Protein backbone atom coordinates (compact mmCIF):
# COMPACT_ATOMS: atom_id res chain seq x y z
CA UNK A 1 5.67 -12.56 10.36
CA UNK A 2 5.61 -10.18 13.19
CA UNK A 3 5.46 -6.32 13.53
CA UNK A 4 9.23 -6.26 13.92
CA UNK A 5 9.59 -7.67 10.42
CA UNK A 6 7.40 -4.88 9.10
CA UNK A 7 9.37 -2.20 11.15
CA UNK A 8 12.69 -3.43 9.59
CA UNK A 9 11.36 -3.22 6.14
CA UNK A 10 9.64 0.12 6.59
CA UNK A 11 12.30 1.72 8.80
CA UNK A 12 10.22 2.78 11.83
CA UNK A 13 7.04 2.06 13.84
CA UNK A 14 4.18 4.43 13.00
CA UNK A 15 0.38 4.30 13.14
CA UNK A 16 0.13 3.66 9.40
CA UNK A 17 2.41 0.72 9.65
CA UNK A 18 0.49 -0.70 12.52
CA UNK A 19 -2.76 -0.25 10.65
CA UNK A 20 -1.40 -2.20 7.66
CA UNK A 21 -0.07 -4.87 10.00
CA UNK A 22 -3.50 -5.43 11.45
CA UNK A 23 -5.04 -5.58 8.00
CA UNK A 24 -2.41 -8.03 6.73
CA UNK A 25 -2.82 -10.27 9.72
CA UNK A 26 -6.59 -10.22 9.37
CA UNK A 27 -6.18 -11.49 5.72
CA UNK A 28 -3.66 -14.15 6.71
CA UNK A 29 -6.03 -15.49 9.26
CA UNK A 30 -9.10 -15.21 6.96
CA UNK A 31 -7.35 -17.08 4.08
CA UNK A 32 -5.57 -19.45 6.36
CA UNK A 33 -2.43 -18.89 4.22
CA UNK A 34 1.17 -17.89 4.62
CA UNK A 35 3.06 -15.27 2.59
CA UNK A 36 2.18 -15.37 -1.16
CA UNK A 37 5.09 -17.00 -3.15
CA UNK A 38 3.60 -15.84 -6.40
CA UNK A 39 0.33 -14.31 -7.42
CA UNK A 40 -2.11 -16.60 -5.47
CA UNK A 41 -3.02 -13.99 -2.85
CA UNK A 42 -3.89 -10.54 -4.18
CA UNK A 43 -4.41 -7.22 -2.34
CA UNK A 44 -6.06 -4.18 -3.81
CA UNK A 45 -5.11 -1.03 -1.81
CA UNK A 46 -6.79 2.29 -2.24
CA UNK A 47 -3.94 4.43 -0.76
CA UNK A 48 -0.27 4.76 -0.76
CA UNK A 49 0.32 5.11 2.89
CA UNK A 50 2.82 3.31 5.29
CA UNK A 51 0.11 0.61 5.77
CA UNK A 52 0.99 -0.96 2.31
CA UNK A 53 4.51 -1.81 3.48
CA UNK A 54 3.25 -4.11 6.20
CA UNK A 55 0.96 -5.82 3.55
CA UNK A 56 4.07 -6.41 1.40
CA UNK A 57 6.04 -7.97 4.23
CA UNK A 58 3.33 -10.03 5.92
CA UNK A 59 1.29 -11.25 2.83
CA UNK A 60 3.92 -11.14 0.08
CA UNK A 61 1.69 -8.98 -2.11
CA UNK A 62 4.12 -6.72 -4.23
CA UNK A 63 4.05 -4.64 -7.26
CA UNK A 64 6.80 -6.76 -8.81
CA UNK A 65 4.78 -9.91 -8.61
CA UNK A 66 1.63 -8.17 -9.77
CA UNK A 67 -0.39 -9.19 -6.75
CA UNK A 68 -0.47 -5.79 -5.20
CA UNK A 69 -2.93 -3.50 -7.00
CA UNK A 70 -2.87 0.27 -6.28
CA UNK A 71 -5.93 2.36 -6.80
CA UNK A 72 -5.25 6.07 -6.11
CA UNK A 73 -8.45 6.72 -4.26
CA UNK A 74 -6.97 8.03 -0.98
CA UNK A 75 -9.01 5.66 1.10
CA UNK A 76 -8.02 3.11 3.81
CA UNK A 77 -9.70 0.29 2.06
CA UNK A 78 -8.00 -3.05 1.56
CA UNK A 79 -9.48 -5.95 -0.44
CA UNK A 80 -7.78 -9.39 -0.46
CA UNK A 81 -8.69 -12.46 -2.42
CA UNK A 82 -7.15 -15.74 -3.56
CA UNK A 83 -6.86 -16.22 -7.31
CA UNK A 84 -9.42 -18.66 -8.55
CA UNK A 85 -11.95 -17.49 -6.11
CA UNK A 86 -14.46 -14.57 -6.43
CA UNK A 87 -14.92 -14.21 -2.72
CA UNK A 88 -12.88 -11.35 -1.16
CA UNK A 89 -12.23 -9.98 2.16
CA UNK A 90 -12.70 -6.19 2.30
CA UNK A 91 -11.64 -4.07 5.28
CA UNK A 92 -12.65 -0.43 5.43
CA UNK A 93 -11.52 1.90 8.20
CA UNK A 94 -14.46 3.25 10.11
CA UNK A 95 -14.74 7.04 10.30
CA UNK A 96 -14.47 6.81 14.10
CA UNK A 97 -12.43 3.66 14.10
CA UNK A 98 -9.25 5.32 15.32
CA UNK A 99 -9.61 8.35 17.64
CA UNK A 100 -7.77 11.46 16.52
CA UNK A 101 -5.35 12.88 19.02
CA UNK A 102 -5.51 16.65 18.55
CA UNK A 103 -2.05 17.37 19.91
CA UNK A 104 -0.58 14.57 17.71
CA UNK A 105 -2.27 16.03 14.62
CA UNK A 106 -1.20 19.50 15.44
CA UNK A 107 2.37 18.53 15.88
CA UNK A 108 2.64 16.64 12.60
CA UNK A 109 3.05 19.81 10.32
CA UNK A 110 5.68 21.20 12.55
CA UNK A 111 7.58 17.86 12.31
CA UNK A 112 7.26 17.75 8.52
CA UNK A 113 8.48 21.43 8.02
CA UNK A 114 11.25 21.17 10.53
CA UNK A 115 10.03 23.94 12.82
CA UNK A 116 9.27 21.79 15.87
CA UNK A 117 11.21 22.52 19.08
CA UNK A 118 13.15 19.64 20.67
CA UNK A 119 10.33 19.23 23.30
CA UNK A 120 7.77 19.09 20.52
CA UNK A 121 9.75 16.45 18.59
CA UNK A 122 10.05 14.43 21.85
CA UNK A 123 6.28 14.80 22.41
CA UNK A 124 5.51 13.86 18.87
CA UNK A 125 7.61 10.82 18.94
CA UNK A 126 5.89 9.67 22.14
CA UNK A 127 2.37 10.38 20.69
CA UNK A 128 3.30 8.68 17.46
CA UNK A 129 4.50 5.52 19.37
CA UNK A 130 1.39 5.53 21.65
CA UNK A 131 -0.95 5.75 18.67
CA UNK A 132 1.04 2.84 16.94
CA UNK A 133 0.58 0.60 19.90
CA UNK A 134 -3.02 1.52 20.37
CA UNK A 135 -3.75 0.54 16.73
CA UNK A 136 -1.89 -2.80 17.34
CA UNK A 137 -3.97 -3.53 20.39
CA UNK A 138 -7.48 -2.46 19.42
CA UNK A 139 -10.14 -4.96 18.47
CA UNK A 140 -10.18 -5.18 14.75
CA UNK A 141 -13.93 -4.85 14.54
CA UNK A 142 -13.73 -1.39 16.34
CA UNK A 143 -11.43 -0.03 13.70
CA UNK A 144 -12.72 -1.59 10.52
CA UNK A 145 -16.00 -2.57 8.83
CA UNK A 146 -15.11 -6.12 7.58
CA UNK A 147 -17.02 -7.87 5.04
CA UNK A 148 -16.83 -10.69 2.42
CA UNK A 149 -17.67 -9.49 -1.00
CA UNK A 150 -17.66 -10.92 -4.47
CA UNK A 151 -15.06 -9.55 -6.85
CA UNK A 152 -14.10 -9.74 -10.43
CA UNK A 153 -10.32 -10.42 -10.02
CA UNK A 154 -7.87 -8.29 -12.06
CA UNK A 155 -5.96 -10.09 -14.60
CA UNK A 156 -2.69 -11.75 -13.81
CA UNK A 157 0.45 -9.68 -14.42
CA UNK A 158 1.56 -9.56 -18.03
CA UNK A 159 5.14 -9.57 -19.01
CA UNK A 160 5.77 -7.32 -22.09
CA UNK A 161 8.58 -7.21 -24.42
CA UNK A 162 11.13 -4.45 -23.90
CA UNK A 163 11.38 -1.82 -26.62
CA UNK A 164 14.01 0.86 -27.00
CA UNK A 165 13.04 4.58 -27.27
CA UNK A 166 14.31 6.06 -30.52
CA UNK A 167 15.05 9.29 -28.72
CA UNK A 168 16.63 8.58 -25.32
CA UNK A 169 17.67 4.95 -25.92
CA UNK A 170 16.05 3.57 -22.76
CA UNK A 171 14.06 0.53 -22.54
CA UNK A 172 10.30 0.53 -21.89
CA UNK A 173 7.36 -1.94 -21.67
CA UNK A 174 5.79 -2.55 -25.08
CA UNK A 175 2.47 -1.60 -23.67
CA UNK A 176 3.77 1.89 -22.82
CA UNK A 177 5.42 2.55 -25.98
CA UNK A 178 4.08 5.18 -28.56
CA UNK A 179 4.81 4.92 -32.27
CA UNK A 180 5.50 7.78 -34.49
CA UNK A 181 6.79 7.51 -38.10
CA UNK A 182 7.68 3.86 -37.51
CA UNK A 183 9.82 4.70 -34.38
CA UNK A 184 9.08 3.64 -30.85
CA UNK A 185 9.06 6.43 -28.04
CA UNK A 186 8.74 6.31 -24.37
CA UNK A 187 6.00 8.47 -22.89
CA UNK A 188 8.36 11.41 -21.78
CA UNK A 189 10.03 11.54 -25.15
CA UNK A 190 6.74 11.21 -26.97
CA UNK A 191 5.20 14.06 -24.85
CA UNK A 192 7.82 16.44 -26.15
CA UNK A 193 6.24 16.44 -29.48
CA UNK A 194 3.22 18.56 -29.68
CA UNK A 195 1.23 16.67 -32.26
């Protein structure tokens, strides 16, 4: 897989996608494997940034297969391992791993809120592209602390029975159902009742 494959999936090139691509390729090289067909390669991500899209494309780690585990910690930390092996590759972005560009950072809020001028939009796009290419070309060891660690792998994905909510009629995973008076309720419907 190449960066173009990740761009096609994600929709555009950005520093986060470039970062994820570098992480994904490092894991691919470390484990000497191709894209996961099932759950053999697992990635634990500690953020929900653009980087995760590159990991899905390059490594085949996805929520649907259960081999992409999301921990909402807001950190650029990525841990990969092959099932059946307690050795994992952990990549942690260094605090000074990617140099901040003050102009780029200052333009970001203006772009998000739609208040940027045409010149600022053009400047931001160029800065964004430059930063993306910088990340793609930096030595990996400059950006990341890379270590092999031991890990207790999470369980394989479990497929649960689908139950139907007694109130809204929608299906839900058995593990998420709540029972009240012998009836099954999905979480949103159950939360309506103040018990």
